[in-house]
Amino acid sequence: MRYSLLLFLVVLGFFSLTFAQGSYEDCCLRYVTSVSQHRIKNVVSYRQQVLDGSCNIRAIVFKMKKGRVFCANPKDKWVKLLIERIDKLSRQG
């Protein structure tokens, strides 16, 4: 009886760690401080990160052509301009 209870608690612990790690997987934890022109030219899309239980900062998550991502402060002027450019390109195509 004790071994089955111990096994159950160990398995429960592994599941809770797995779910806790998965909840932070798509969250930005900090912003980039500078961005090269090469990086800006390769941005194809973006999404907004909002404050919720697992994400503790507001951010714009930009996705580049090869799938790489970087996070930026939504209050920065260059971020707003890049969002406008991406929106304009997506309306055209």
PDB file of N, CA and C in Angstrom:
ATOM      1  N   MET A   1       0.823  -1.199   0.000  1.00  0.00           N
ATOM      2  CA  MET A   1       0.000   0.000   0.000  1.00  0.00           C
ATOM      3  C   MET A   1       0.864   1.260   0.000  1.00  0.00           C
ATOM      4  N   ARG A   2       1.903   1.268   0.818  1.00  0.00           N
ATOM      5  CA  ARG A   2       2.765   2.450   0.902  1.00  0.00           C
ATOM      6  C   ARG A   2       3.514   2.680  -0.407  1.00  0.00           C
ATOM      7  N   TYR A   3       3.953   1.593  -1.046  1.00  0.00           N
ATOM      8  CA  TYR A   3       4.693   1.745  -2.296  1.00  0.00           C
ATOM      9  C   TYR A   3       3.813   2.309  -3.401  1.00  0.00           C
ATOM     10  N   SER A   4       2.588   1.896  -3.462  1.00  0.00           N
ATOM     11  CA  SER A   4       1.695   2.420  -4.488  1.00  0.00           C
ATOM     12  C   SER A   4       1.384   3.892  -4.231  1.00  0.00           C
ATOM     13  N   LEU A   5       1.259   4.284  -2.973  1.00  0.00           N
ATOM     14  CA  LEU A   5       1.039   5.701  -2.649  1.00  0.00           C
ATOM     15  C   LEU A   5       2.268   6.519  -3.006  1.00  0.00           C
ATOM     16  N   LEU A   6       3.441   6.007  -2.707  1.00  0.00           N
ATOM     17  CA  LEU A   6       4.684   6.685  -3.041  1.00  0.00           C
ATOM     18  C   LEU A   6       4.833   6.813  -4.555  1.00  0.00           C
ATOM     19  N   LEU A   7       4.546   5.755  -5.276  1.00  0.00           N
ATOM     20  CA  LEU A   7       4.612   5.789  -6.735  1.00  0.00           C
ATOM     21  C   LEU A   7       3.630   6.806  -7.298  1.00  0.00           C
ATOM     22  N   PHE A   8       2.429   6.837  -6.760  1.00  0.00           N
ATOM     23  CA  PHE A   8       1.427   7.802  -7.199  1.00  0.00           C
ATOM     24  C   PHE A   8       1.908   9.235  -6.979  1.00  0.00           C
ATOM     25  N   LEU A   9       2.512   9.520  -5.829  1.00  0.00           N
ATOM     26  CA  LEU A   9       3.005  10.868  -5.534  1.00  0.00           C
ATOM     27  C   LEU A   9       4.167  11.262  -6.449  1.00  0.00           C
ATOM     28  N   VAL A  10       5.036  10.310  -6.755  1.00  0.00           N
ATOM     29  CA  VAL A  10       6.154  10.592  -7.659  1.00  0.00           C
ATOM     30  C   VAL A  10       5.636  10.899  -9.064  1.00  0.00           C
ATOM     31  N   VAL A  11       4.720  10.100  -9.558  1.00  0.00           N
ATOM     32  CA  VAL A  11       4.141  10.329 -10.888  1.00  0.00           C
ATOM     33  C   VAL A  11       3.403  11.670 -10.915  1.00  0.00           C
ATOM     34  N   LEU A  12       2.651  11.969  -9.880  1.00  0.00           N
ATOM     35  CA  LEU A  12       1.950  13.241  -9.792  1.00  0.00           C
ATOM     36  C   LEU A  12       2.931  14.410  -9.815  1.00  0.00           C
ATOM     37  N   GLY A  13       4.058  14.247  -9.121  1.00  0.00           N
ATOM     38  CA  GLY A  13       5.089  15.285  -9.119  1.00  0.00           C
ATOM     39  C   GLY A  13       5.676  15.514 -10.501  1.00  0.00           C
ATOM     40  N   PHE A  14       5.937  14.440 -11.243  1.00  0.00           N
ATOM     41  CA  PHE A  14       6.462  14.583 -12.599  1.00  0.00           C
ATOM     42  C   PHE A  14       5.472  15.291 -13.514  1.00  0.00           C
ATOM     43  N   PHE A  15       4.211  14.938 -13.409  1.00  0.00           N
ATOM     44  CA  PHE A  15       3.202  15.597 -14.236  1.00  0.00           C
ATOM     45  C   PHE A  15       3.081  17.078 -13.913  1.00  0.00           C
ATOM     46  N   SER A  16       3.119  17.428 -12.645  1.00  0.00           N
ATOM     47  CA  SER A  16       2.984  18.834 -12.277  1.00  0.00           C
ATOM     48  C   SER A  16       4.176  19.640 -12.777  1.00  0.00           C
ATOM     49  N   LEU A  17       5.386  19.072 -12.732  1.00  0.00           N
ATOM     50  CA  LEU A  17       6.556  19.761 -13.266  1.00  0.00           C
ATOM     51  C   LEU A  17       6.463  19.914 -14.777  1.00  0.00           C
ATOM     52  N   THR A  18       5.984  18.906 -15.451  1.00  0.00           N
ATOM     53  CA  THR A  18       5.843  18.966 -16.904  1.00  0.00           C
ATOM     54  C   THR A  18       4.859  20.047 -17.311  1.00  0.00           C
ATOM     55  N   PHE A  19       3.729  20.122 -16.662  1.00  0.00           N
ATOM     56  CA  PHE A  19       2.735  21.137 -17.003  1.00  0.00           C
ATOM     57  C   PHE A  19       3.213  22.525 -16.630  1.00  0.00           C
ATOM     58  N   ALA A  20       3.921  22.682 -15.554  1.00  0.00           N
ATOM     59  CA  ALA A  20       4.430  23.989 -15.154  1.00  0.00           C
ATOM     60  C   ALA A  20       5.453  24.497 -16.154  1.00  0.00           C
ATOM     61  N   GLN A  21       6.338  23.629 -16.633  1.00  0.00           N
ATOM     62  CA  GLN A  21       7.326  24.039 -17.616  1.00  0.00           C
ATOM     63  C   GLN A  21       6.675  24.386 -18.941  1.00  0.00           C
ATOM     64  N   GLY A  22       5.653  23.672 -19.337  1.00  0.00           N
ATOM     65  CA  GLY A  22       4.973  23.928 -20.600  1.00  0.00           C
ATOM     66  C   GLY A  22       4.257  25.256 -20.615  1.00  0.00           C
ATOM     67  N   SER A  23       3.800  25.735 -19.477  1.00  0.00           N
ATOM     68  CA  SER A  23       3.056  26.985 -19.451  1.00  0.00           C
ATOM     69  C   SER A  23       3.945  28.189 -19.716  1.00  0.00           C
ATOM     70  N   TYR A  24       5.257  28.080 -19.451  1.00  0.00           N
ATOM     71  CA  TYR A  24       6.170  29.197 -19.691  1.00  0.00           C
ATOM     72  C   TYR A  24       6.860  29.109 -21.042  1.00  0.00           C
ATOM     73  N   GLU A  25       6.586  28.086 -21.794  1.00  0.00           N
ATOM     74  CA  GLU A  25       7.313  27.833 -23.025  1.00  0.00           C
ATOM     75  C   GLU A  25       7.180  28.958 -24.050  1.00  0.00           C
ATOM     76  N   ASP A  26       6.015  29.553 -24.186  1.00  0.00           N
ATOM     77  CA  ASP A  26       5.793  30.565 -25.207  1.00  0.00           C
ATOM     78  C   ASP A  26       5.829  31.990 -24.670  1.00  0.00           C
ATOM     79  N   CYS A  27       6.385  32.205 -23.509  1.00  0.00           N
ATOM     80  CA  CYS A  27       6.405  33.535 -22.909  1.00  0.00           C
ATOM     81  C   CYS A  27       7.738  34.228 -23.102  1.00  0.00           C
ATOM     82  N   CYS A  28       7.665  35.518 -23.381  1.00  0.00           N
ATOM     83  CA  CYS A  28       8.862  36.355 -23.393  1.00  0.00           C
ATOM     84  C   CYS A  28       9.176  36.735 -21.956  1.00  0.00           C
ATOM     85  N   LEU A  29      10.425  36.647 -21.606  1.00  0.00           N
ATOM     86  CA  LEU A  29      10.835  37.031 -20.265  1.00  0.00           C
ATOM     87  C   LEU A  29      11.560  38.372 -20.255  1.00  0.00           C
ATOM     88  N   ARG A  30      12.029  38.805 -21.445  1.00  0.00           N
ATOM     89  CA  ARG A  30      12.688  40.105 -21.573  1.00  0.00           C
ATOM     90  C   ARG A  30      12.652  40.547 -23.030  1.00  0.00           C
ATOM     91  N   TYR A  31      12.966  41.818 -23.250  1.00  0.00           N
ATOM     92  CA  TYR A  31      12.952  42.412 -24.590  1.00  0.00           C
ATOM     93  C   TYR A  31      14.363  42.435 -25.175  1.00  0.00           C
ATOM     94  N   VAL A  32      14.435  42.467 -26.507  1.00  0.00           N
ATOM     95  CA  VAL A  32      15.717  42.735 -27.154  1.00  0.00           C
ATOM     96  C   VAL A  32      16.016  44.213 -26.973  1.00  0.00           C
ATOM     97  N   THR A  33      17.288  44.554 -26.886  1.00  0.00           N
ATOM     98  CA  THR A  33      17.647  45.956 -26.693  1.00  0.00           C
ATOM     99  C   THR A  33      17.995  46.648 -27.999  1.00  0.00           C
ATOM    100  N   SER A  34      18.469  45.877 -28.975  1.00  0.00           N
ATOM    101  CA  SER A  34      18.754  46.454 -30.286  1.00  0.00           C
ATOM    102  C   SER A  34      18.452  45.417 -31.361  1.00  0.00           C
ATOM    103  N   VAL A  35      18.121  45.912 -32.548  1.00  0.00           N
ATOM    104  CA  VAL A  35      17.744  45.030 -33.651  1.00  0.00           C
ATOM    105  C   VAL A  35      18.459  45.484 -34.908  1.00  0.00           C
ATOM    106  N   SER A  36      19.067  44.545 -35.606  1.00  0.00           N
ATOM    107  CA  SER A  36      19.765  44.875 -36.844  1.00  0.00           C
ATOM    108  C   SER A  36      18.761  44.991 -37.994  1.00  0.00           C
ATOM    109  N   GLN A  37      19.168  45.670 -39.028  1.00  0.00           N
ATOM    110  CA  GLN A  37      18.328  45.808 -40.229  1.00  0.00           C
ATOM    111  C   GLN A  37      18.062  44.446 -40.850  1.00  0.00           C
ATOM    112  N   HIS A  38      19.038  43.565 -40.806  1.00  0.00           N
ATOM    113  CA  HIS A  38      18.872  42.211 -41.354  1.00  0.00           C
ATOM    114  C   HIS A  38      17.735  41.491 -40.640  1.00  0.00           C
ATOM    115  N   ARG A  39      17.707  41.603 -39.344  1.00  0.00           N
ATOM    116  CA  ARG A  39      16.660  40.947 -38.559  1.00  0.00           C
ATOM    117  C   ARG A  39      15.300  41.549 -38.885  1.00  0.00           C
ATOM    118  N   ILE A  40      15.231  42.860 -38.990  1.00  0.00           N
ATOM    119  CA  ILE A  40      13.956  43.531 -39.291  1.00  0.00           C
ATOM    120  C   ILE A  40      13.438  43.117 -40.663  1.00  0.00           C
ATOM    121  N   LYS A  41      14.320  42.990 -41.644  1.00  0.00           N
ATOM    122  CA  LYS A  41      13.907  42.621 -42.996  1.00  0.00           C
ATOM    123  C   LYS A  41      13.358  41.200 -43.068  1.00  0.00           C
ATOM    124  N   ASN A  42      13.764  40.345 -42.143  1.00  0.00           N
ATOM    125  CA  ASN A  42      13.336  38.948 -42.165  1.00  0.00           C
ATOM    126  C   ASN A  42      12.094  38.658 -41.328  1.00  0.00           C
ATOM    127  N   VAL A  43      11.510  39.683 -40.729  1.00  0.00           N
ATOM    128  CA  VAL A  43      10.298  39.481 -39.932  1.00  0.00           C
ATOM    129  C   VAL A  43       9.115  39.244 -40.864  1.00  0.00           C
ATOM    130  N   VAL A  44       8.341  38.192 -40.590  1.00  0.00           N
ATOM    131  CA  VAL A  44       7.196  37.866 -41.435  1.00  0.00           C
ATOM    132  C   VAL A  44       5.857  37.989 -40.706  1.00  0.00           C
ATOM    133  N   SER A  45       5.876  37.909 -39.382  1.00  0.00           N
ATOM    134  CA  SER A  45       4.626  38.016 -38.632  1.00  0.00           C
ATOM    135  C   SER A  45       4.923  38.415 -37.191  1.00  0.00           C
ATOM    136  N   TYR A  46       3.866  38.657 -36.468  1.00  0.00           N
ATOM    137  CA  TYR A  46       4.014  38.996 -35.053  1.00  0.00           C
ATOM    138  C   TYR A  46       2.757  38.561 -34.308  1.00  0.00           C
ATOM    139  N   ARG A  47       2.886  38.501 -33.001  1.00  0.00           N
ATOM    140  CA  ARG A  47       1.731  38.268 -32.131  1.00  0.00           C
ATOM    141  C   ARG A  47       1.938  39.079 -30.862  1.00  0.00           C
ATOM    142  N   GLN A  48       0.851  39.368 -30.196  1.00  0.00           N
ATOM    143  CA  GLN A  48       0.928  40.113 -28.943  1.00  0.00           C
ATOM    144  C   GLN A  48       0.928  39.149 -27.773  1.00  0.00           C
ATOM    145  N   GLN A  49       1.821  39.381 -26.842  1.00  0.00           N
ATOM    146  CA  GLN A  49       1.819  38.630 -25.590  1.00  0.00           C
ATOM    147  C   GLN A  49       1.173  39.516 -24.535  1.00  0.00           C
ATOM    148  N   VAL A  50       0.144  39.004 -23.906  1.00  0.00           N
ATOM    149  CA  VAL A  50      -0.552  39.767 -22.873  1.00  0.00           C
ATOM    150  C   VAL A  50      -0.185  39.227 -21.497  1.00  0.00           C
ATOM    151  N   LEU A  51      -0.464  40.016 -20.494  1.00  0.00           N
ATOM    152  CA  LEU A  51      -0.221  39.581 -19.122  1.00  0.00           C
ATOM    153  C   LEU A  51      -1.249  38.529 -18.744  1.00  0.00           C
ATOM    154  N   ASP A  52      -0.778  37.412 -18.253  1.00  0.00           N
ATOM    155  CA  ASP A  52      -1.672  36.393 -17.711  1.00  0.00           C
ATOM    156  C   ASP A  52      -0.909  35.631 -16.639  1.00  0.00           C
ATOM    157  N   GLY A  53      -1.410  34.519 -16.237  1.00  0.00           N
ATOM    158  CA  GLY A  53      -0.798  33.787 -15.143  1.00  0.00           C
ATOM    159  C   GLY A  53       0.631  33.352 -15.388  1.00  0.00           C
ATOM    160  N   SER A  54       0.989  33.038 -16.630  1.00  0.00           N
ATOM    161  CA  SER A  54       2.324  32.528 -16.895  1.00  0.00           C
ATOM    162  C   SER A  54       3.249  33.540 -17.567  1.00  0.00           C
ATOM    163  N   CYS A  55       2.716  34.561 -18.187  1.00  0.00           N
ATOM    164  CA  CYS A  55       3.528  35.572 -18.865  1.00  0.00           C
ATOM    165  C   CYS A  55       3.463  36.868 -18.066  1.00  0.00           C
ATOM    166  N   ASN A  56       4.620  37.355 -17.645  1.00  0.00           N
ATOM    167  CA  ASN A  56       4.606  38.488 -16.731  1.00  0.00           C
ATOM    168  C   ASN A  56       4.958  39.833 -17.356  1.00  0.00           C
ATOM    169  N   ILE A  57       5.166  39.900 -18.670  1.00  0.00           N
ATOM    170  CA  ILE A  57       5.382  41.186 -19.336  1.00  0.00           C
ATOM    171  C   ILE A  57       4.549  41.248 -20.615  1.00  0.00           C
ATOM    172  N   ARG A  58       4.149  42.455 -20.979  1.00  0.00           N
ATOM    173  CA  ARG A  58       3.522  42.665 -22.282  1.00  0.00           C
ATOM    174  C   ARG A  58       4.648  42.719 -23.308  1.00  0.00           C
ATOM    175  N   ALA A  59       4.430  42.099 -24.456  1.00  0.00           N
ATOM    176  CA  ALA A  59       5.477  42.072 -25.477  1.00  0.00           C
ATOM    177  C   ALA A  59       4.861  41.839 -26.844  1.00  0.00           C
ATOM    178  N   ILE A  60       5.618  42.212 -27.848  1.00  0.00           N
ATOM    179  CA  ILE A  60       5.318  41.843 -29.222  1.00  0.00           C
ATOM    180  C   ILE A  60       6.339  40.776 -29.595  1.00  0.00           C
ATOM    181  N   VAL A  61       5.857  39.634 -30.046  1.00  0.00           N
ATOM    182  CA  VAL A  61       6.730  38.522 -30.424  1.00  0.00           C
ATOM    183  C   VAL A  61       6.784  38.491 -31.941  1.00  0.00           C
ATOM    184  N   PHE A  62       7.927  38.832 -32.483  1.00  0.00           N
ATOM    185  CA  PHE A  62       8.110  38.836 -33.928  1.00  0.00           C
ATOM    186  C   PHE A  62       8.662  37.487 -34.371  1.00  0.00           C
ATOM    187  N   LYS A  63       8.113  36.989 -35.499  1.00  0.00           N
ATOM    188  CA  LYS A  63       8.582  35.716 -36.063  1.00  0.00           C
ATOM    189  C   LYS A  63       9.308  36.007 -37.362  1.00  0.00           C
ATOM    190  N   MET A  64      10.476  35.387 -37.511  1.00  0.00           N
ATOM    191  CA  MET A  64      11.291  35.599 -38.706  1.00  0.00           C
ATOM    192  C   MET A  64      11.065  34.459 -39.701  1.00  0.00           C
ATOM    193  N   LYS A  65      11.619  34.599 -40.900  1.00  0.00           N
ATOM    194  CA  LYS A  65      11.397  33.650 -41.989  1.00  0.00           C
ATOM    195  C   LYS A  65      11.729  32.218 -41.623  1.00  0.00           C
ATOM    196  N   LYS A  66      12.790  31.973 -40.904  1.00  0.00           N
ATOM    197  CA  LYS A  66      13.198  30.607 -40.583  1.00  0.00           C
ATOM    198  C   LYS A  66      12.612  30.120 -39.258  1.00  0.00           C
ATOM    199  N   GLY A  67      11.626  30.846 -38.729  1.00  0.00           N
ATOM    200  CA  GLY A  67      10.955  30.396 -37.528  1.00  0.00           C
ATOM    201  C   GLY A  67      11.504  30.941 -36.228  1.00  0.00           C
ATOM    202  N   ARG A  68      12.608  31.637 -36.267  1.00  0.00           N
ATOM    203  CA  ARG A  68      13.159  32.226 -35.051  1.00  0.00           C
ATOM    204  C   ARG A  68      12.257  33.360 -34.590  1.00  0.00           C
ATOM    205  N   VAL A  69      12.262  33.616 -33.303  1.00  0.00           N
ATOM    206  CA  VAL A  69      11.436  34.676 -32.744  1.00  0.00           C
ATOM    207  C   VAL A  69      12.273  35.579 -31.840  1.00  0.00           C
ATOM    208  N   PHE A  70      11.804  36.811 -31.683  1.00  0.00           N
ATOM    209  CA  PHE A  70      12.385  37.710 -30.698  1.00  0.00           C
ATOM    210  C   PHE A  70      11.285  38.588 -30.135  1.00  0.00           C
ATOM    211  N   CYS A  71      11.499  39.062 -28.939  1.00  0.00           N
ATOM    212  CA  CYS A  71      10.483  39.818 -28.210  1.00  0.00           C
ATOM    213  C   CYS A  71      10.892  41.284 -28.104  1.00  0.00           C
ATOM    214  N   ALA A  72       9.909  42.156 -28.252  1.00  0.00           N
ATOM    215  CA  ALA A  72      10.182  43.583 -28.214  1.00  0.00           C
ATOM    216  C   ALA A  72       9.150  44.301 -27.353  1.00  0.00           C
ATOM    217  N   ASN A  73       9.547  45.460 -26.869  1.00  0.00           N
ATOM    218  CA  ASN A  73       8.673  46.290 -26.050  1.00  0.00           C
ATOM    219  C   ASN A  73       7.617  46.948 -26.945  1.00  0.00           C
ATOM    220  N   PRO A  74       6.345  46.733 -26.684  1.00  0.00           N
ATOM    221  CA  PRO A  74       5.300  47.312 -27.539  1.00  0.00           C
ATOM    222  C   PRO A  74       5.249  48.838 -27.487  1.00  0.00           C
ATOM    223  N   LYS A  75       5.923  49.459 -26.544  1.00  0.00           N
ATOM    224  CA  LYS A  75       5.925  50.921 -26.437  1.00  0.00           C
ATOM    225  C   LYS A  75       7.009  51.574 -27.291  1.00  0.00           C
ATOM    226  N   ASP A  76       7.975  50.804 -27.776  1.00  0.00           N
ATOM    227  CA  ASP A  76       9.065  51.359 -28.578  1.00  0.00           C
ATOM    228  C   ASP A  76       8.553  51.789 -29.951  1.00  0.00           C
ATOM    229  N   LYS A  77       9.082  52.904 -30.427  1.00  0.00           N
ATOM    230  CA  LYS A  77       8.640  53.458 -31.710  1.00  0.00           C
ATOM    231  C   LYS A  77       8.938  52.516 -32.869  1.00  0.00           C
ATOM    232  N   TRP A  78      10.117  51.910 -32.884  1.00  0.00           N
ATOM    233  CA  TRP A  78      10.474  51.032 -34.001  1.00  0.00           C
ATOM    234  C   TRP A  78       9.566  49.806 -34.048  1.00  0.00           C
ATOM    235  N   VAL A  79       9.075  49.372 -32.892  1.00  0.00           N
ATOM    236  CA  VAL A  79       8.170  48.223 -32.832  1.00  0.00           C
ATOM    237  C   VAL A  79       6.842  48.586 -33.490  1.00  0.00           C
ATOM    238  N   LYS A  80       6.328  49.764 -33.178  1.00  0.00           N
ATOM    239  CA  LYS A  80       5.070  50.221 -33.778  1.00  0.00           C
ATOM    240  C   LYS A  80       5.201  50.356 -35.290  1.00  0.00           C
ATOM    241  N   LEU A  81       6.335  50.878 -35.747  1.00  0.00           N
ATOM    242  CA  LEU A  81       6.546  51.019 -37.191  1.00  0.00           C
ATOM    243  C   LEU A  81       6.643  49.660 -37.881  1.00  0.00           C
ATOM    244  N   LEU A  82       7.305  48.712 -37.241  1.00  0.00           N
ATOM    245  CA  LEU A  82       7.426  47.372 -37.822  1.00  0.00           C
ATOM    246  C   LEU A  82       6.072  46.673 -37.873  1.00  0.00           C
ATOM    247  N   ILE A  83       5.259  46.850 -36.858  1.00  0.00           N
ATOM    248  CA  ILE A  83       3.905  46.277 -36.859  1.00  0.00           C
ATOM    249  C   ILE A  83       3.090  46.853 -38.007  1.00  0.00           C
ATOM    250  N   GLU A  84       3.183  48.164 -38.211  1.00  0.00           N
ATOM    251  CA  GLU A  84       2.459  48.804 -39.327  1.00  0.00           C
ATOM    252  C   GLU A  84       2.920  48.236 -40.664  1.00  0.00           C
ATOM    253  N   ARG A  85       4.236  48.041 -40.820  1.00  0.00           N
ATOM    254  CA  ARG A  85       4.765  47.504 -42.075  1.00  0.00           C
ATOM    255  C   ARG A  85       4.262  46.079 -42.317  1.00  0.00           C
ATOM    256  N   ILE A  86       4.270  45.247 -41.284  1.00  0.00           N
ATOM    257  CA  ILE A  86       3.808  43.857 -41.427  1.00  0.00           C
ATOM    258  C   ILE A  86       2.314  43.828 -41.742  1.00  0.00           C
ATOM    259  N   ASP A  87       1.527  44.667 -41.060  1.00  0.00           N
ATOM    260  CA  ASP A  87       0.085  44.728 -41.337  1.00  0.00           C
ATOM    261  C   ASP A  87      -0.173  45.159 -42.776  1.00  0.00           C
ATOM    262  N   LYS A  88       0.578  46.132 -43.251  1.00  0.00           N
ATOM    263  CA  LYS A  88       0.410  46.616 -44.616  1.00  0.00           C
ATOM    264  C   LYS A  88       0.747  45.515 -45.628  1.00  0.00           C
ATOM    265  N   LEU A  89       1.842  44.809 -45.401  1.00  0.00           N
ATOM    266  CA  LEU A  89       2.214  43.720 -46.297  1.00  0.00           C
ATOM    267  C   LEU A  89       1.204  42.579 -46.284  1.00  0.00           C
ATOM    268  N   SER A  90       0.630  42.285 -45.134  1.00  0.00           N
ATOM    269  CA  SER A  90      -0.333  41.195 -45.063  1.00  0.00           C
ATOM    270  C   SER A  90      -1.655  41.564 -45.749  1.00  0.00           C
ATOM    271  N   ARG A  91      -2.001  42.830 -45.754  1.00  0.00           N
ATOM    272  CA  ARG A  91      -3.215  43.272 -46.471  1.00  0.00           C
ATOM    273  C   ARG A  91      -3.009  43.208 -47.971  1.00  0.00           C
ATOM    274  N   GLN A  92      -1.780  43.457 -48.437  1.00  0.00           N
ATOM    275  CA  GLN A  92      -1.495  43.444 -49.866  1.00  0.00           C
ATOM    276  C   GLN A  92      -1.450  42.017 -50.414  1.00  0.00           C
ATOM    277  N   GLY A  93      -0.956  41.099 -49.607  1.00  0.00           N
ATOM    278  CA  GLY A  93      -0.745  39.742 -50.122  1.00  0.00           C
ATOM    279  C   GLY A  93      -1.769  38.840 -49.622  1.00  0.00           C
TER     280      GLY A  93
END
